[in-house]
Amino acid sequence: MRIKFTARDVSYAEAIDGEIIQVSFEEDGDNDPIKPSKFYFHISVNYEFPPIIPSVEWFDGNESDGGANILNYKIDRNSLQLWLDNGMSFDIDFEIEEALFNDINKFITNLLKQ
């Protein structure tokens, strides 16, 4: 299944001095986190405890899911494409400030080195 959406709310957050990082792409930042109705895709990682494996979560328009592994990705200044090992793929468009893009690009590129 392919999910395509425009993320109007994009964030990069660190906790515990960068030991935990989460990047979020949300169609609507005001979406109810308990009962979402808009698309979202989150990538997080905990560098504190090996193995370092990214955790992904998404809402596909009907239900929330997660737990798949990222097989491949492509990122450029205004879009992110991801392919997961469960057959899901994501095509996310966004417009964000340069500093935020640089943080996200560095995180994703380092995490998913091919």
PDB file of N, CA and C in Angstrom:
ATOM      1  N   MET A   1       0.850  -1.173   0.000  1.00  0.00           N
ATOM      2  CA  MET A   1       0.000   0.000   0.000  1.00  0.00           C
ATOM      3  C   MET A   1       0.898   1.240   0.000  1.00  0.00           C
ATOM      4  N   ARG A   2       0.553   2.202  -0.827  1.00  0.00           N
ATOM      5  CA  ARG A   2       1.291   3.456  -0.912  1.00  0.00           C
ATOM      6  C   ARG A   2       0.457   4.567  -0.283  1.00  0.00           C
ATOM      7  N   ILE A   3       1.076   5.325   0.601  1.00  0.00           N
ATOM      8  CA  ILE A   3       0.407   6.457   1.246  1.00  0.00           C
ATOM      9  C   ILE A   3       1.139   7.726   0.838  1.00  0.00           C
ATOM     10  N   LYS A   4       0.400   8.647   0.264  1.00  0.00           N
ATOM     11  CA  LYS A   4       0.953   9.921  -0.169  1.00  0.00           C
ATOM     12  C   LYS A   4       0.200  11.032   0.541  1.00  0.00           C
ATOM     13  N   PHE A   5       0.949  11.959   1.168  1.00  0.00           N
ATOM     14  CA  PHE A   5       0.309  13.099   1.810  1.00  0.00           C
ATOM     15  C   PHE A   5       1.281  14.262   1.932  1.00  0.00           C
ATOM     16  N   THR A   6       0.726  15.433   2.182  1.00  0.00           N
ATOM     17  CA  THR A   6       1.512  16.627   2.452  1.00  0.00           C
ATOM     18  C   THR A   6       1.520  16.859   3.954  1.00  0.00           C
ATOM     19  N   ALA A   7       2.715  16.904   4.524  1.00  0.00           N
ATOM     20  CA  ALA A   7       2.857  17.141   5.956  1.00  0.00           C
ATOM     21  C   ALA A   7       2.868  18.646   6.205  1.00  0.00           C
ATOM     22  N   ARG A   8       1.874  19.105   6.912  1.00  0.00           N
ATOM     23  CA  ARG A   8       1.793  20.522   7.262  1.00  0.00           C
ATOM     24  C   ARG A   8       2.488  20.802   8.598  1.00  0.00           C
ATOM     25  N   ASP A   9       2.739  19.741   9.364  1.00  0.00           N
ATOM     26  CA  ASP A   9       3.443  19.855  10.633  1.00  0.00           C
ATOM     27  C   ASP A   9       4.597  18.850  10.617  1.00  0.00           C
ATOM     28  N   VAL A  10       5.812  19.365  10.619  1.00  0.00           N
ATOM     29  CA  VAL A  10       7.010  18.531  10.593  1.00  0.00           C
ATOM     30  C   VAL A  10       7.861  18.929  11.794  1.00  0.00           C
ATOM     31  N   SER A  11       8.325  17.928  12.538  1.00  0.00           N
ATOM     32  CA  SER A  11       9.122  18.257  13.723  1.00  0.00           C
ATOM     33  C   SER A  11      10.292  17.296  13.878  1.00  0.00           C
ATOM     34  N   TYR A  12      11.299  17.804  14.569  1.00  0.00           N
ATOM     35  CA  TYR A  12      12.491  17.052  14.939  1.00  0.00           C
ATOM     36  C   TYR A  12      12.692  17.311  16.426  1.00  0.00           C
ATOM     37  N   ALA A  13      12.725  16.256  17.236  1.00  0.00           N
ATOM     38  CA  ALA A  13      12.852  16.443  18.684  1.00  0.00           C
ATOM     39  C   ALA A  13      13.905  15.502  19.244  1.00  0.00           C
ATOM     40  N   GLU A  14      14.690  16.026  20.187  1.00  0.00           N
ATOM     41  CA  GLU A  14      15.695  15.238  20.893  1.00  0.00           C
ATOM     42  C   GLU A  14      15.377  15.217  22.382  1.00  0.00           C
ATOM     43  N   ALA A  15      15.712  14.107  23.018  1.00  0.00           N
ATOM     44  CA  ALA A  15      15.584  13.992  24.469  1.00  0.00           C
ATOM     45  C   ALA A  15      16.848  13.323  25.011  1.00  0.00           C
ATOM     46  N   ILE A  16      17.096  13.527  26.273  1.00  0.00           N
ATOM     47  CA  ILE A  16      18.246  12.939  26.967  1.00  0.00           C
ATOM     48  C   ILE A  16      19.539  13.205  26.178  1.00  0.00           C
ATOM     49  N   ASP A  17      19.784  14.470  25.911  1.00  0.00           N
ATOM     50  CA  ASP A  17      21.005  14.902  25.215  1.00  0.00           C
ATOM     51  C   ASP A  17      21.216  14.186  23.890  1.00  0.00           C
ATOM     52  N   GLY A  18      20.156  13.975  23.141  1.00  0.00           N
ATOM     53  CA  GLY A  18      20.257  13.356  21.826  1.00  0.00           C
ATOM     54  C   GLY A  18      20.244  11.847  21.832  1.00  0.00           C
ATOM     55  N   GLU A  19      20.048  11.232  22.996  1.00  0.00           N
ATOM     56  CA  GLU A  19      19.989   9.766  23.054  1.00  0.00           C
ATOM     57  C   GLU A  19      18.710   9.230  22.412  1.00  0.00           C
ATOM     58  N   ILE A  20      17.649  10.025  22.437  1.00  0.00           N
ATOM     59  CA  ILE A  20      16.387   9.662  21.798  1.00  0.00           C
ATOM     60  C   ILE A  20      16.041  10.772  20.812  1.00  0.00           C
ATOM     61  N   ILE A  21      15.732  10.395  19.584  1.00  0.00           N
ATOM     62  CA  ILE A  21      15.364  11.366  18.549  1.00  0.00           C
ATOM     63  C   ILE A  21      14.090  10.883  17.884  1.00  0.00           C
ATOM     64  N   GLN A  22      13.187  11.827  17.630  1.00  0.00           N
ATOM     65  CA  GLN A  22      11.959  11.515  16.888  1.00  0.00           C
ATOM     66  C   GLN A  22      11.738  12.576  15.820  1.00  0.00           C
ATOM     67  N   VAL A  23      11.410  12.108  14.635  1.00  0.00           N
ATOM     68  CA  VAL A  23      11.032  12.974  13.523  1.00  0.00           C
ATOM     69  C   VAL A  23       9.589  12.631  13.179  1.00  0.00           C
ATOM     70  N   SER A  24       8.764  13.666  13.071  1.00  0.00           N
ATOM     71  CA  SER A  24       7.338  13.466  12.798  1.00  0.00           C
ATOM     72  C   SER A  24       6.910  14.244  11.568  1.00  0.00           C
ATOM     73  N   PHE A  25       6.136  13.585  10.737  1.00  0.00           N
ATOM     74  CA  PHE A  25       5.509  14.200   9.571  1.00  0.00           C
ATOM     75  C   PHE A  25       4.012  13.999   9.749  1.00  0.00           C
ATOM     76  N   GLU A  26       3.279  15.093   9.920  1.00  0.00           N
ATOM     77  CA  GLU A  26       1.845  14.991  10.180  1.00  0.00           C
ATOM     78  C   GLU A  26       1.057  15.858   9.204  1.00  0.00           C
ATOM     79  N   GLU A  27       0.018  15.262   8.664  1.00  0.00           N
ATOM     80  CA  GLU A  27      -0.853  16.004   7.754  1.00  0.00           C
ATOM     81  C   GLU A  27      -1.500  17.180   8.474  1.00  0.00           C
ATOM     82  N   ASP A  28      -1.806  17.000   9.750  1.00  0.00           N
ATOM     83  CA  ASP A  28      -2.428  18.039  10.558  1.00  0.00           C
ATOM     84  C   ASP A  28      -1.879  17.936  11.974  1.00  0.00           C
ATOM     85  N   GLY A  29      -1.153  18.948  12.413  1.00  0.00           N
ATOM     86  CA  GLY A  29      -0.552  18.935  13.738  1.00  0.00           C
ATOM     87  C   GLY A  29      -1.557  18.922  14.869  1.00  0.00           C
ATOM     88  N   ASP A  30      -2.812  19.275  14.594  1.00  0.00           N
ATOM     89  CA  ASP A  30      -3.858  19.259  15.613  1.00  0.00           C
ATOM     90  C   ASP A  30      -4.613  17.939  15.644  1.00  0.00           C
ATOM     91  N   ASN A  31      -4.130  16.952  14.929  1.00  0.00           N
ATOM     92  CA  ASN A  31      -4.763  15.646  14.868  1.00  0.00           C
ATOM     93  C   ASN A  31      -4.835  15.036  16.271  1.00  0.00           C
ATOM     94  N   ASP A  32      -5.935  14.403  16.609  1.00  0.00           N
ATOM     95  CA  ASP A  32      -6.106  13.747  17.902  1.00  0.00           C
ATOM     96  C   ASP A  32      -5.155  12.542  17.976  1.00  0.00           C
ATOM     97  N   PRO A  33      -4.191  12.525  18.916  1.00  0.00           N
ATOM     98  CA  PRO A  33      -3.235  11.413  18.970  1.00  0.00           C
ATOM     99  C   PRO A  33      -3.867  10.080  19.380  1.00  0.00           C
ATOM    100  N   ILE A  34      -5.001  10.116  20.054  1.00  0.00           N
ATOM    101  CA  ILE A  34      -5.675   8.882  20.479  1.00  0.00           C
ATOM    102  C   ILE A  34      -6.552   8.313  19.363  1.00  0.00           C
ATOM    103  N   LYS A  35      -7.271   9.179  18.678  1.00  0.00           N
ATOM    104  CA  LYS A  35      -8.136   8.762  17.569  1.00  0.00           C
ATOM    105  C   LYS A  35      -7.818   9.616  16.343  1.00  0.00           C
ATOM    106  N   PRO A  36      -6.675   9.351  15.688  1.00  0.00           N
ATOM    107  CA  PRO A  36      -6.285  10.179  14.548  1.00  0.00           C
ATOM    108  C   PRO A  36      -7.246  10.019  13.371  1.00  0.00           C
ATOM    109  N   SER A  37      -7.321  11.060  12.566  1.00  0.00           N
ATOM    110  CA  SER A  37      -8.120  11.006  11.345  1.00  0.00           C
ATOM    111  C   SER A  37      -7.315  11.485  10.141  1.00  0.00           C
ATOM    112  N   LYS A  38      -6.105  11.949  10.381  1.00  0.00           N
ATOM    113  CA  LYS A  38      -5.229  12.454   9.324  1.00  0.00           C
ATOM    114  C   LYS A  38      -3.957  11.611   9.277  1.00  0.00           C
ATOM    115  N   PHE A  39      -3.348  11.561   8.089  1.00  0.00           N
ATOM    116  CA  PHE A  39      -2.119  10.790   7.904  1.00  0.00           C
ATOM    117  C   PHE A  39      -0.986  11.335   8.773  1.00  0.00           C
ATOM    118  N   TYR A  40      -0.145  10.409   9.269  1.00  0.00           N
ATOM    119  CA  TYR A  40       1.108  10.807   9.897  1.00  0.00           C
ATOM    120  C   TYR A  40       2.119   9.678   9.738  1.00  0.00           C
ATOM    121  N   PHE A  41       3.396  10.042   9.878  1.00  0.00           N
ATOM    122  CA  PHE A  41       4.482   9.076   9.878  1.00  0.00           C
ATOM    123  C   PHE A  41       5.530   9.568  10.862  1.00  0.00           C
ATOM    124  N   HIS A  42       5.926   8.706  11.809  1.00  0.00           N
ATOM    125  CA  HIS A  42       6.925   9.049  12.818  1.00  0.00           C
ATOM    126  C   HIS A  42       8.080   8.051  12.731  1.00  0.00           C
ATOM    127  N   ILE A  43       9.291   8.577  12.866  1.00  0.00           N
ATOM    128  CA  ILE A  43      10.490   7.743  12.977  1.00  0.00           C
ATOM    129  C   ILE A  43      11.162   8.131  14.286  1.00  0.00           C
ATOM    130  N   SER A  44      11.485   7.155  15.101  1.00  0.00           N
ATOM    131  CA  SER A  44      12.217   7.459  16.329  1.00  0.00           C
ATOM    132  C   SER A  44      13.299   6.414  16.536  1.00  0.00           C
ATOM    133  N   VAL A  45      14.287   6.808  17.329  1.00  0.00           N
ATOM    134  CA  VAL A  45      15.374   5.887  17.641  1.00  0.00           C
ATOM    135  C   VAL A  45      15.888   6.206  19.041  1.00  0.00           C
ATOM    136  N   ASN A  46      16.312   5.147  19.715  1.00  0.00           N
ATOM    137  CA  ASN A  46      16.904   5.276  21.039  1.00  0.00           C
ATOM    138  C   ASN A  46      18.357   4.812  20.919  1.00  0.00           C
ATOM    139  N   TYR A  47      19.284   5.779  20.961  1.00  0.00           N
ATOM    140  CA  TYR A  47      20.701   5.460  20.831  1.00  0.00           C
ATOM    141  C   TYR A  47      21.308   4.958  22.140  1.00  0.00           C
ATOM    142  N   GLU A  48      20.552   5.056  23.220  1.00  0.00           N
ATOM    143  CA  GLU A  48      21.073   4.689  24.536  1.00  0.00           C
ATOM    144  C   GLU A  48      21.264   3.178  24.689  1.00  0.00           C
ATOM    145  N   PHE A  49      20.359   2.391  24.095  1.00  0.00           N
ATOM    146  CA  PHE A  49      20.394   0.946  24.281  1.00  0.00           C
ATOM    147  C   PHE A  49      20.477   0.224  22.942  1.00  0.00           C
ATOM    148  N   PRO A  50      21.629  -0.384  22.643  1.00  0.00           N
ATOM    149  CA  PRO A  50      21.751  -1.148  21.398  1.00  0.00           C
ATOM    150  C   PRO A  50      20.817  -2.345  21.420  1.00  0.00           C
ATOM    151  N   PRO A  51      20.431  -2.880  20.278  1.00  0.00           N
ATOM    152  CA  PRO A  51      20.819  -2.440  18.939  1.00  0.00           C
ATOM    153  C   PRO A  51      20.060  -1.174  18.535  1.00  0.00           C
ATOM    154  N   ILE A  52      20.684  -0.388  17.693  1.00  0.00           N
ATOM    155  CA  ILE A  52      20.101   0.873  17.234  1.00  0.00           C
ATOM    156  C   ILE A  52      19.208   0.572  16.032  1.00  0.00           C
ATOM    157  N   ILE A  53      17.925   0.434  16.302  1.00  0.00           N
ATOM    158  CA  ILE A  53      16.951   0.101  15.259  1.00  0.00           C
ATOM    159  C   ILE A  53      15.868   1.170  15.258  1.00  0.00           C
ATOM    160  N   PRO A  54      15.627   1.792  14.108  1.00  0.00           N
ATOM    161  CA  PRO A  54      14.572   2.812  14.072  1.00  0.00           C
ATOM    162  C   PRO A  54      13.192   2.196  14.294  1.00  0.00           C
ATOM    163  N   SER A  55      12.387   2.933  14.992  1.00  0.00           N
ATOM    164  CA  SER A  55      10.991   2.551  15.218  1.00  0.00           C
ATOM    165  C   SER A  55      10.121   3.451  14.352  1.00  0.00           C
ATOM    166  N   VAL A  56       9.185   2.861  13.635  1.00  0.00           N
ATOM    167  CA  VAL A  56       8.288   3.646  12.796  1.00  0.00           C
ATOM    168  C   VAL A  56       6.842   3.421  13.211  1.00  0.00           C
ATOM    169  N   GLU A  57       6.050   4.453  13.035  1.00  0.00           N
ATOM    170  CA  GLU A  57       4.616   4.402  13.337  1.00  0.00           C
ATOM    171  C   GLU A  57       3.913   5.292  12.325  1.00  0.00           C
ATOM    172  N   TRP A  58       2.682   4.899  11.944  1.00  0.00           N
ATOM    173  CA  TRP A  58       1.945   5.689  10.966  1.00  0.00           C
ATOM    174  C   TRP A  58       0.453   5.505  11.138  1.00  0.00           C
ATOM    175  N   PHE A  59      -0.275   6.421  10.515  1.00  0.00           N
ATOM    176  CA  PHE A  59      -1.729   6.305  10.400  1.00  0.00           C
ATOM    177  C   PHE A  59      -2.036   6.340   8.916  1.00  0.00           C
ATOM    178  N   ASP A  60      -2.738   5.318   8.428  1.00  0.00           N
ATOM    179  CA  ASP A  60      -2.973   5.162   6.987  1.00  0.00           C
ATOM    180  C   ASP A  60      -4.331   5.664   6.512  1.00  0.00           C
ATOM    181  N   GLY A  61      -5.043   6.375   7.361  1.00  0.00           N
ATOM    182  CA  GLY A  61      -6.371   6.846   7.006  1.00  0.00           C
ATOM    183  C   GLY A  61      -7.463   6.032   7.677  1.00  0.00           C
ATOM    184  N   ASN A  62      -7.101   4.808   8.119  1.00  0.00           N
ATOM    185  CA  ASN A  62      -8.055   3.933   8.796  1.00  0.00           C
ATOM    186  C   ASN A  62      -7.591   3.505  10.180  1.00  0.00           C
ATOM    187  N   GLU A  63      -6.301   3.160  10.283  1.00  0.00           N
ATOM    188  CA  GLU A  63      -5.788   2.699  11.562  1.00  0.00           C
ATOM    189  C   GLU A  63      -4.309   3.022  11.713  1.00  0.00           C
ATOM    190  N   SER A  64      -3.863   3.058  12.957  1.00  0.00           N
ATOM    191  CA  SER A  64      -2.451   3.259  13.259  1.00  0.00           C
ATOM    192  C   SER A  64      -1.738   1.921  13.185  1.00  0.00           C
ATOM    193  N   ASP A  65      -0.468   1.958  12.804  1.00  0.00           N
ATOM    194  CA  ASP A  65       0.317   0.736  12.711  1.00  0.00           C
ATOM    195  C   ASP A  65       1.783   1.099  12.914  1.00  0.00           C
ATOM    196  N   GLY A  66       2.627   0.116  12.908  1.00  0.00           N
ATOM    197  CA  GLY A  66       4.053   0.352  13.077  1.00  0.00           C
ATOM    198  C   GLY A  66       4.799  -0.954  13.155  1.00  0.00           C
ATOM    199  N   GLY A  67       6.071  -0.857  13.493  1.00  0.00           N
ATOM    200  CA  GLY A  67       6.865  -2.055  13.698  1.00  0.00           C
ATOM    201  C   GLY A  67       7.593  -2.574  12.479  1.00  0.00           C
ATOM    202  N   ALA A  68       7.383  -2.013  11.312  1.00  0.00           N
ATOM    203  CA  ALA A  68       8.067  -2.479  10.110  1.00  0.00           C
ATOM    204  C   ALA A  68       9.477  -1.889  10.049  1.00  0.00           C
ATOM    205  N   ASN A  69      10.296  -2.487   9.220  1.00  0.00           N
ATOM    206  CA  ASN A  69      11.659  -1.999   9.000  1.00  0.00           C
ATOM    207  C   ASN A  69      11.723  -1.191   7.716  1.00  0.00           C
ATOM    208  N   ILE A  70      12.551  -0.166   7.725  1.00  0.00           N
ATOM    209  CA  ILE A  70      12.736   0.664   6.537  1.00  0.00           C
ATOM    210  C   ILE A  70      13.750  -0.019   5.630  1.00  0.00           C
ATOM    211  N   LEU A  71      13.327  -0.310   4.392  1.00  0.00           N
ATOM    212  CA  LEU A  71      14.212  -0.958   3.428  1.00  0.00           C
ATOM    213  C   LEU A  71      15.027   0.054   2.637  1.00  0.00           C
ATOM    214  N   ASN A  72      14.372   1.156   2.280  1.00  0.00           N
ATOM    215  CA  ASN A  72      15.011   2.140   1.416  1.00  0.00           C
ATOM    216  C   ASN A  72      14.355   3.491   1.644  1.00  0.00           C
ATOM    217  N   TYR A  73      15.030   4.541   1.245  1.00  0.00           N
ATOM    218  CA  TYR A  73      14.485   5.884   1.382  1.00  0.00           C
ATOM    219  C   TYR A  73      15.089   6.808   0.336  1.00  0.00           C
ATOM    220  N   LYS A  74      14.423   7.907   0.121  1.00  0.00           N
ATOM    221  CA  LYS A  74      14.929   8.985  -0.727  1.00  0.00           C
ATOM    222  C   LYS A  74      14.440  10.278  -0.095  1.00  0.00           C
ATOM    223  N   ILE A  75      15.368  11.192   0.177  1.00  0.00           N
ATOM    224  CA  ILE A  75      14.993  12.461   0.771  1.00  0.00           C
ATOM    225  C   ILE A  75      15.567  13.588  -0.076  1.00  0.00           C
ATOM    226  N   ASP A  76      14.761  14.603  -0.291  1.00  0.00           N
ATOM    227  CA  ASP A  76      15.260  15.833  -0.897  1.00  0.00           C
ATOM    228  C   ASP A  76      14.624  17.004  -0.173  1.00  0.00           C
ATOM    229  N   ARG A  77      14.863  18.182  -0.625  1.00  0.00           N
ATOM    230  CA  ARG A  77      14.512  19.397   0.112  1.00  0.00           C
ATOM    231  C   ARG A  77      13.032  19.495   0.472  1.00  0.00           C
ATOM    232  N   ASN A  78      12.140  18.915  -0.320  1.00  0.00           N
ATOM    233  CA  ASN A  78      10.707  19.046  -0.060  1.00  0.00           C
ATOM    234  C   ASN A  78       9.949  17.725  -0.060  1.00  0.00           C
ATOM    235  N   SER A  79      10.668  16.607   0.052  1.00  0.00           N
ATOM    236  CA  SER A  79       9.938  15.341   0.077  1.00  0.00           C
ATOM    237  C   SER A  79      10.771  14.220   0.698  1.00  0.00           C
ATOM    238  N   LEU A  80      10.056  13.245   1.206  1.00  0.00           N
ATOM    239  CA  LEU A  80      10.656  12.033   1.755  1.00  0.00           C
ATOM    240  C   LEU A  80       9.860  10.849   1.227  1.00  0.00           C
ATOM    241  N   GLN A  81      10.567   9.875   0.681  1.00  0.00           N
ATOM    242  CA  GLN A  81       9.939   8.627   0.253  1.00  0.00           C
ATOM    243  C   GLN A  81      10.577   7.507   1.056  1.00  0.00           C
ATOM    244  N   LEU A  82       9.747   6.593   1.528  1.00  0.00           N
ATOM    245  CA  LEU A  82      10.207   5.454   2.322  1.00  0.00           C
ATOM    246  C   LEU A  82       9.530   4.189   1.837  1.00  0.00           C
ATOM    247  N   TRP A  83      10.273   3.090   1.830  1.00  0.00           N
ATOM    248  CA  TRP A  83       9.738   1.779   1.503  1.00  0.00           C
ATOM    249  C   TRP A  83      10.001   0.863   2.681  1.00  0.00           C
ATOM    250  N   LEU A  84       8.951   0.183   3.161  1.00  0.00           N
ATOM    251  CA  LEU A  84       9.053  -0.678   4.333  1.00  0.00           C
ATOM    252  C   LEU A  84       9.018  -2.148   3.944  1.00  0.00           C
ATOM    253  N   ASP A  85       9.478  -3.003   4.845  1.00  0.00           N
ATOM    254  CA  ASP A  85       9.539  -4.436   4.550  1.00  0.00           C
ATOM    255  C   ASP A  85       8.189  -5.138   4.590  1.00  0.00           C
ATOM    256  N   ASN A  86       7.132  -4.427   4.954  1.00  0.00           N
ATOM    257  CA  ASN A  86       5.798  -5.035   4.962  1.00  0.00           C
ATOM    258  C   ASN A  86       4.976  -4.664   3.734  1.00  0.00           C
ATOM    259  N   GLY A  87       5.623  -4.028   2.743  1.00  0.00           N
ATOM    260  CA  GLY A  87       4.933  -3.645   1.516  1.00  0.00           C
ATOM    261  C   GLY A  87       4.383  -2.233   1.527  1.00  0.00           C
ATOM    262  N   MET A  88       4.446  -1.559   2.654  1.00  0.00           N
ATOM    263  CA  MET A  88       3.984  -0.177   2.740  1.00  0.00           C
ATOM    264  C   MET A  88       5.053   0.746   2.154  1.00  0.00           C
ATOM    265  N   SER A  89       4.594   1.846   1.558  1.00  0.00           N
ATOM    266  CA  SER A  89       5.513   2.891   1.134  1.00  0.00           C
ATOM    267  C   SER A  89       4.855   4.237   1.393  1.00  0.00           C
ATOM    268  N   PHE A  90       5.692   5.239   1.571  1.00  0.00           N
ATOM    269  CA  PHE A  90       5.217   6.572   1.914  1.00  0.00           C
ATOM    270  C   PHE A  90       5.873   7.586   0.994  1.00  0.00           C
ATOM    271  N   ASP A  91       5.081   8.531   0.540  1.00  0.00           N
ATOM    272  CA  ASP A  91       5.546   9.638  -0.281  1.00  0.00           C
ATOM    273  C   ASP A  91       5.026  10.900   0.406  1.00  0.00           C
ATOM    274  N   ILE A  92       5.915  11.577   1.113  1.00  0.00           N
ATOM    275  CA  ILE A  92       5.516  12.699   1.960  1.00  0.00           C
ATOM    276  C   ILE A  92       6.132  13.986   1.425  1.00  0.00           C
ATOM    277  N   ASP A  93       5.301  14.958   1.119  1.00  0.00           N
ATOM    278  CA  ASP A  93       5.750  16.282   0.696  1.00  0.00           C
ATOM    279  C   ASP A  93       5.683  17.224   1.884  1.00  0.00           C
ATOM    280  N   PHE A  94       6.572  18.221   1.912  1.00  0.00           N
ATOM    281  CA  PHE A  94       6.585  19.184   3.011  1.00  0.00           C
ATOM    282  C   PHE A  94       7.321  20.443   2.571  1.00  0.00           C
ATOM    283  N   GLU A  95       7.059  21.518   3.283  1.00  0.00           N
ATOM    284  CA  GLU A  95       7.805  22.764   3.131  1.00  0.00           C
ATOM    285  C   GLU A  95       8.224  23.194   4.529  1.00  0.00           C
ATOM    286  N   ILE A  96       9.541  23.175   4.765  1.00  0.00           N
ATOM    287  CA  ILE A  96      10.058  23.501   6.095  1.00  0.00           C
ATOM    288  C   ILE A  96      11.276  24.408   5.960  1.00  0.00           C
ATOM    289  N   GLU A  97      11.664  25.015   7.074  1.00  0.00           N
ATOM    290  CA  GLU A  97      12.840  25.879   7.084  1.00  0.00           C
ATOM    291  C   GLU A  97      14.102  25.043   6.884  1.00  0.00           C
ATOM    292  N   GLU A  98      15.115  25.703   6.363  1.00  0.00           N
ATOM    293  CA  GLU A  98      16.377  25.036   6.031  1.00  0.00           C
ATOM    294  C   GLU A  98      17.010  24.343   7.244  1.00  0.00           C
ATOM    295  N   ALA A  99      17.026  25.003   8.394  1.00  0.00           N
ATOM    296  CA  ALA A  99      17.647  24.410   9.585  1.00  0.00           C
ATOM    297  C   ALA A  99      16.947  23.115   9.999  1.00  0.00           C
ATOM    298  N   LEU A 100      15.625  23.091   9.945  1.00  0.00           N
ATOM    299  CA  LEU A 100      14.870  21.879  10.281  1.00  0.00           C
ATOM    300  C   LEU A 100      15.151  20.786   9.261  1.00  0.00           C
ATOM    301  N   PHE A 101      15.163  21.133   7.988  1.00  0.00           N
ATOM    302  CA  PHE A 101      15.477  20.137   6.960  1.00  0.00           C
ATOM    303  C   PHE A 101      16.868  19.554   7.195  1.00  0.00           C
ATOM    304  N   ASN A 102      17.845  20.396   7.509  1.00  0.00           N
ATOM    305  CA  ASN A 102      19.209  19.904   7.737  1.00  0.00           C
ATOM    306  C   ASN A 102      19.257  18.913   8.898  1.00  0.00           C
ATOM    307  N   ASP A 103      18.540  19.196   9.994  1.00  0.00           N
ATOM    308  CA  ASP A 103      18.489  18.267  11.125  1.00  0.00           C
ATOM    309  C   ASP A 103      17.867  16.931  10.709  1.00  0.00           C
ATOM    310  N   ILE A 104      16.749  16.996  10.007  1.00  0.00           N
ATOM    311  CA  ILE A 104      16.049  15.774   9.586  1.00  0.00           C
ATOM    312  C   ILE A 104      16.881  14.987   8.582  1.00  0.00           C
ATOM    313  N   ASN A 105      17.446  15.664   7.613  1.00  0.00           N
ATOM    314  CA  ASN A 105      18.261  15.008   6.596  1.00  0.00           C
ATOM    315  C   ASN A 105      19.461  14.309   7.231  1.00  0.00           C
ATOM    316  N   LYS A 106      20.142  14.974   8.143  1.00  0.00           N
ATOM    317  CA  LYS A 106      21.299  14.384   8.819  1.00  0.00           C
ATOM    318  C   LYS A 106      20.880  13.158   9.630  1.00  0.00           C
ATOM    319  N   PHE A 107      19.783  13.269  10.379  1.00  0.00           N
ATOM    320  CA  PHE A 107      19.287  12.155  11.184  1.00  0.00           C
ATOM    321  C   PHE A 107      18.951  10.939  10.304  1.00  0.00           C
ATOM    322  N   ILE A 108      18.145  11.163   9.282  1.00  0.00           N
ATOM    323  CA  ILE A 108      17.698  10.055   8.439  1.00  0.00           C
ATOM    324  C   ILE A 108      18.870   9.437   7.674  1.00  0.00           C
ATOM    325  N   THR A 109      19.736  10.281   7.126  1.00  0.00           N
ATOM    326  CA  THR A 109      20.873   9.774   6.368  1.00  0.00           C
ATOM    327  C   THR A 109      21.813   8.955   7.259  1.00  0.00           C
ATOM    328  N   ASN A 110      22.115   9.456   8.454  1.00  0.00           N
ATOM    329  CA  ASN A 110      22.994   8.711   9.369  1.00  0.00           C
ATOM    330  C   ASN A 110      22.342   7.423   9.866  1.00  0.00           C
ATOM    331  N   LEU A 111      21.050   7.482  10.148  1.00  0.00           N
ATOM    332  CA  LEU A 111      20.335   6.325  10.678  1.00  0.00           C
ATOM    333  C   LEU A 111      20.179   5.219   9.635  1.00  0.00           C
ATOM    334  N   LEU A 112      19.932   5.619   8.400  1.00  0.00           N
ATOM    335  CA  LEU A 112      19.602   4.651   7.347  1.00  0.00           C
ATOM    336  C   LEU A 112      20.683   4.530   6.299  1.00  0.00           C
ATOM    337  N   LYS A 113      21.931   4.673   6.689  1.00  0.00           N
ATOM    338  CA  LYS A 113      23.045   4.586   5.728  1.00  0.00           C
ATOM    339  C   LYS A 113      22.880   3.353   4.864  1.00  0.00           C
ATOM    340  N   GLN A 114      23.024   3.571   3.588  1.00  0.00           N
ATOM    341  CA  GLN A 114      22.817   2.480   2.631  1.00  0.00           C
ATOM    342  C   GLN A 114      24.143   1.929   2.162  1.00  0.00           C
TER     343      GLN A 114
END
